[in-house]
Amino acid sequence: MSLSATSRDSATFARRLMRRCDRAALATSLQGAPYVSLVLVAADLDASPLLLLSDLARHSRNIAFDPRVSLLFDGTAGHDDPLAGPRLTFLGHAEIVADPRLVDRFGRYHPTSAAYAGFADFRLYRVAAERGHLVAGFGRIEWIDGNALRLGDDLSALAEAEAAMVAEINCHRADAVAAIARRWLGRSGDGWRIIGLDPEGIDLCGDAETARLDFAATAPTPDAVRAKLFELVDAARK
């Protein structure tokens, strides 16, 4: 992915990096000292990070005293020189959310979480962006404001419709999902299904692997996302 000099393109780059990561390093404060742990992560429609954490975990107890956190999203895998690869340090405030939509979305990205998502001592956190420090490659380093990191469109209609759209496509348009995986992502194999839709792209899961397809332009409404999918499937079949 190329990165231009504009902050808008830098924010898009940063969100795409975040949406591709299924885990991150979480830094919290332990009596004023930095404490870092590994966590599973998913992105909300506006790209806000979602975390499912146990009350018993050290990082959860740290957040209870100080909600300021930092997440490192690492996109350096596959680079001969990891320090030349992209990564984002995301700074924000973590807060507990009791939203079934977000719990469902997190579960689609991390199916193993379903075994403990309903436990009384597990809670879903949403991290509100303050700013991010993007290293997009050697010499391409930039601070990004939190308002730019988070999509500002009204996404309420898409949030309400997303889960049903995912279920409908997987149930009735499995051939279309397979066509997208083959044509646009170069993936073979069977069993491909969509696990999430957002204004900037779609996430798919196959046999023991996941894949991300970014849209060329944002699609903030259900109709706009459907139109993007129809375009992709039509071009793939041709």
Protein backbone atom coordinates (compact mmCIF):
# COMPACT_ATOMS: atom_id res chain seq x y z
CA MET A 1 0.00 0.00 0.00
CA SER A 2 1.40 3.39 -0.97
CA LEU A 3 1.35 6.36 1.38
CA SER A 4 1.15 9.97 0.24
CA ALA A 5 2.17 13.01 2.21
CA THR A 6 -1.36 14.04 3.19
CA SER A 7 -2.59 13.32 6.71
CA ARG A 8 -5.83 11.92 5.32
CA ASP A 9 -3.96 9.24 3.39
CA SER A 10 -1.79 8.56 6.43
CA ALA A 11 -4.91 7.99 8.54
CA THR A 12 -6.31 5.64 5.91
CA PHE A 13 -3.02 3.74 5.88
CA ALA A 14 -3.12 3.50 9.68
CA ARG A 15 -6.72 2.23 9.75
CA ARG A 16 -5.97 -0.38 7.09
CA LEU A 17 -3.03 -1.58 9.15
CA MET A 18 -5.21 -1.82 12.27
CA ARG A 19 -7.99 -3.69 10.48
CA ARG A 20 -5.50 -6.30 9.25
CA CYS A 21 -4.18 -7.10 12.73
CA ASP A 22 -5.92 -9.72 14.87
CA ARG A 23 -3.63 -9.11 17.86
CA ALA A 24 -1.69 -6.25 19.39
CA ALA A 25 0.65 -5.43 22.25
CA LEU A 26 -1.34 -3.64 24.97
CA ALA A 27 0.51 -1.25 27.28
CA THR A 28 -1.12 -0.23 30.57
CA SER A 29 0.14 1.45 33.72
CA LEU A 30 1.13 -0.70 36.70
CA GLN A 31 1.59 1.71 39.60
CA GLY A 32 3.18 4.19 37.21
CA ALA A 33 5.37 1.62 35.44
CA PRO A 34 4.68 0.37 31.89
CA TYR A 35 3.13 -3.10 31.67
CA VAL A 36 2.82 -4.75 28.24
CA SER A 37 0.75 -7.81 27.33
CA LEU A 38 -0.51 -9.57 24.21
CA VAL A 39 -4.22 -9.25 23.41
CA LEU A 40 -6.61 -10.23 20.65
CA VAL A 41 -8.13 -7.25 18.88
CA ALA A 42 -10.88 -6.48 16.39
CA ALA A 43 -11.84 -3.15 14.84
CA ASP A 44 -15.28 -1.55 15.06
CA LEU A 45 -16.83 -0.03 11.92
CA ASP A 46 -15.12 3.29 12.64
CA ALA A 47 -11.82 1.44 13.28
CA SER A 48 -11.92 1.84 17.09
CA PRO A 49 -10.10 -1.15 18.64
CA LEU A 50 -12.17 -3.74 20.55
CA LEU A 51 -10.67 -5.92 23.28
CA LEU A 52 -12.23 -8.76 25.28
CA LEU A 53 -10.47 -8.89 28.66
CA SER A 54 -10.87 -10.80 31.90
CA ASP A 55 -11.32 -8.88 35.14
CA LEU A 56 -8.69 -11.19 36.62
CA ALA A 57 -6.01 -10.17 34.12
CA ARG A 58 -3.34 -7.75 35.28
CA HIS A 59 -3.98 -5.37 32.38
CA SER A 60 -7.70 -5.15 33.26
CA ARG A 61 -6.88 -4.22 36.84
CA ASN A 62 -4.45 -1.62 35.54
CA ILE A 63 -7.12 -0.12 33.29
CA ALA A 64 -9.53 0.12 36.22
CA PHE A 65 -7.11 2.56 37.88
CA ASP A 66 -5.89 4.31 34.75
CA PRO A 67 -7.86 3.89 31.47
CA ARG A 68 -5.08 5.38 29.37
CA VAL A 69 -3.63 2.66 27.15
CA SER A 70 -1.42 2.18 24.14
CA LEU A 71 -1.68 -0.51 21.47
CA LEU A 72 1.08 -1.51 19.06
CA PHE A 73 -0.22 -2.78 15.73
CA ASP A 74 2.60 -4.64 13.99
CA GLY A 75 2.52 -4.98 10.21
CA THR A 76 6.17 -5.95 9.76
CA ALA A 77 5.65 -9.68 9.11
CA GLY A 78 7.32 -10.80 5.88
CA HIS A 79 9.75 -7.88 5.75
CA ASP A 80 13.43 -8.80 5.51
CA ASP A 81 14.14 -5.80 7.73
CA PRO A 82 11.31 -5.55 10.28
CA LEU A 83 12.27 -1.97 11.14
CA ALA A 84 11.49 -0.99 7.55
CA GLY A 85 7.95 -2.36 7.87
CA PRO A 86 4.81 -0.51 8.98
CA ARG A 87 3.56 -0.26 12.53
CA LEU A 88 1.22 1.98 14.48
CA THR A 89 1.33 2.99 18.14
CA PHE A 90 -2.28 3.80 19.03
CA LEU A 91 -2.92 5.93 22.13
CA GLY A 92 -6.35 6.17 23.69
CA HIS A 93 -8.73 5.55 26.58
CA ALA A 94 -10.22 2.09 27.17
CA GLU A 95 -13.80 1.89 28.40
CA ILE A 96 -16.11 -1.04 29.08
CA VAL A 97 -19.03 -1.31 26.64
CA ALA A 98 -22.13 -3.46 27.06
CA ASP A 99 -23.18 -3.55 23.43
CA PRO A 100 -24.35 -6.91 22.00
CA ARG A 101 -23.47 -5.73 18.49
CA LEU A 102 -19.84 -5.23 19.44
CA VAL A 103 -19.69 -8.54 21.32
CA ASP A 104 -21.09 -10.29 18.24
CA ARG A 105 -18.61 -8.53 15.95
CA PHE A 106 -15.66 -9.46 18.15
CA GLY A 107 -16.87 -13.07 18.25
CA ARG A 108 -17.00 -13.30 14.46
CA TYR A 109 -13.34 -12.26 14.28
CA HIS A 110 -12.31 -14.47 17.19
CA PRO A 111 -14.62 -17.53 17.32
CA THR A 112 -12.72 -19.06 20.26
CA SER A 113 -13.83 -16.10 22.37
CA ALA A 114 -17.41 -17.43 22.31
CA ALA A 115 -16.40 -19.95 24.97
CA TYR A 116 -15.79 -17.24 27.54
CA ALA A 117 -17.45 -14.07 26.19
CA GLY A 118 -20.50 -14.79 28.33
CA PHE A 119 -18.54 -15.31 31.56
CA ALA A 120 -19.29 -12.75 34.28
CA ASP A 121 -15.63 -11.81 34.62
CA PHE A 122 -15.05 -11.02 30.92
CA ARG A 123 -15.82 -7.59 29.53
CA LEU A 124 -15.57 -5.95 26.15
CA TYR A 125 -13.54 -2.75 25.95
CA ARG A 126 -13.61 -0.12 23.24
CA VAL A 127 -10.55 2.11 22.92
CA ALA A 128 -11.30 5.73 21.99
CA ALA A 129 -8.51 7.23 19.89
CA GLU A 130 -6.46 10.17 21.12
CA ARG A 131 -3.67 10.02 18.54
CA GLY A 132 -1.46 7.56 16.76
CA HIS A 133 2.21 7.38 15.86
CA LEU A 134 2.58 5.81 12.42
CA VAL A 135 5.81 4.40 11.03
CA ALA A 136 4.90 3.55 7.45
CA GLY A 137 8.43 2.60 6.44
CA PHE A 138 11.93 3.99 6.66
CA GLY A 139 11.77 7.77 7.03
CA ARG A 140 7.96 7.90 6.85
CA ILE A 141 6.96 8.73 10.41
CA GLU A 142 3.97 10.83 11.44
CA TRP A 143 1.66 11.65 14.35
CA ILE A 144 -2.03 11.35 13.47
CA ASP A 145 -4.83 13.02 15.41
CA GLY A 146 -7.47 10.78 16.95
CA ASN A 147 -10.28 12.40 14.98
CA ALA A 148 -8.49 11.42 11.77
CA LEU A 149 -7.84 7.86 12.94
CA ARG A 150 -11.55 7.34 13.60
CA LEU A 151 -14.01 7.44 10.71
CA GLY A 152 -16.33 10.38 11.24
CA ASP A 153 -19.25 9.32 9.03
CA ASP A 154 -22.66 8.44 10.47
CA LEU A 155 -22.38 4.65 10.55
CA SER A 156 -25.53 3.90 12.57
CA ALA A 157 -27.44 2.34 9.66
CA LEU A 158 -24.52 0.11 8.69
CA ALA A 159 -23.98 -0.86 12.34
CA GLU A 160 -27.59 -1.97 12.60
CA ALA A 161 -27.51 -3.94 9.34
CA GLU A 162 -24.00 -5.40 9.26
CA ALA A 163 -24.55 -8.70 11.11
CA ALA A 164 -27.64 -9.55 9.05
CA MET A 165 -25.83 -8.65 5.82
CA VAL A 166 -22.93 -10.95 6.73
CA ALA A 167 -25.30 -13.84 7.52
CA GLU A 168 -27.30 -13.32 4.33
CA ILE A 169 -24.26 -13.20 2.06
CA ASN A 170 -22.69 -16.29 3.59
CA CYS A 171 -25.96 -18.23 3.43
CA HIS A 172 -27.18 -17.26 -0.02
CA ARG A 173 -24.12 -15.95 -1.88
CA ALA A 174 -21.35 -18.41 -1.00
CA ASP A 175 -20.30 -18.58 -4.65
CA ALA A 176 -19.88 -14.81 -4.70
CA VAL A 177 -17.67 -14.89 -1.61
CA ALA A 178 -15.53 -17.61 -3.20
CA ALA A 179 -15.23 -15.52 -6.37
CA ILE A 180 -14.01 -12.51 -4.37
CA ALA A 181 -11.44 -14.64 -2.53
CA ARG A 182 -10.09 -16.12 -5.78
CA ARG A 183 -10.16 -13.09 -8.04
CA TRP A 184 -9.32 -10.18 -5.75
CA LEU A 185 -7.25 -11.86 -3.06
CA GLY A 186 -5.63 -14.70 -5.00
CA ARG A 187 -6.78 -17.28 -2.45
CA SER A 188 -7.67 -20.88 -3.26
CA GLY A 189 -9.50 -23.47 -1.22
CA ASP A 190 -13.08 -23.81 -0.12
CA GLY A 191 -15.16 -22.60 2.78
CA TRP A 192 -14.53 -18.89 2.36
CA ARG A 193 -17.02 -16.72 4.21
CA ILE A 194 -17.30 -13.08 5.19
CA ILE A 195 -16.77 -12.36 8.88
CA GLY A 196 -17.15 -8.59 8.78
CA LEU A 197 -18.12 -5.58 6.70
CA ASP A 198 -17.10 -2.00 7.32
CA PRO A 199 -17.05 1.24 5.30
CA GLU A 200 -13.50 0.58 4.13
CA GLY A 201 -13.61 -3.07 3.14
CA ILE A 202 -14.50 -6.66 3.96
CA ASP A 203 -12.84 -9.39 6.00
CA LEU A 204 -12.99 -13.03 4.96
CA CYS A 205 -12.11 -16.30 6.63
CA GLY A 206 -11.22 -19.58 4.91
CA ASP A 207 -9.61 -22.79 6.01
CA ALA A 208 -7.29 -21.64 8.82
CA GLU A 209 -6.60 -18.26 7.22
CA THR A 210 -8.12 -14.81 7.02
CA ALA A 211 -7.89 -12.12 4.37
CA ARG A 212 -8.76 -8.45 4.03
CA LEU A 213 -10.00 -6.63 0.91
CA ASP A 214 -10.00 -2.82 1.08
CA PHE A 215 -12.43 -0.70 -0.91
CA ALA A 216 -11.03 2.02 -3.15
CA ALA A 217 -13.40 4.53 -1.51
CA THR A 218 -15.43 4.49 1.69
CA ALA A 219 -18.96 3.07 1.73
CA PRO A 220 -20.65 4.31 4.92
CA THR A 221 -24.17 2.94 4.34
CA PRO A 222 -25.63 -0.57 3.79
CA ASP A 223 -26.61 0.30 0.22
CA ALA A 224 -23.13 1.62 -0.53
CA VAL A 225 -21.50 -1.56 0.82
CA ARG A 226 -23.90 -3.74 -1.21
CA ALA A 227 -23.03 -1.77 -4.33
CA LYS A 228 -19.32 -2.31 -3.70
CA LEU A 229 -19.88 -6.05 -3.26
CA PHE A 230 -21.92 -6.29 -6.46
CA GLU A 231 -19.15 -4.50 -8.35
CA LEU A 232 -16.51 -6.85 -6.98
CA VAL A 233 -18.49 -10.00 -7.72
CA ASP A 234 -19.49 -8.85 -11.19
CA ALA A 235 -15.89 -8.04 -12.11
CA ALA A 236 -14.63 -11.30 -10.60
CA ARG A 237 -17.08 -13.37 -12.64
CA LYS A 238 -16.20 -11.59 -15.84
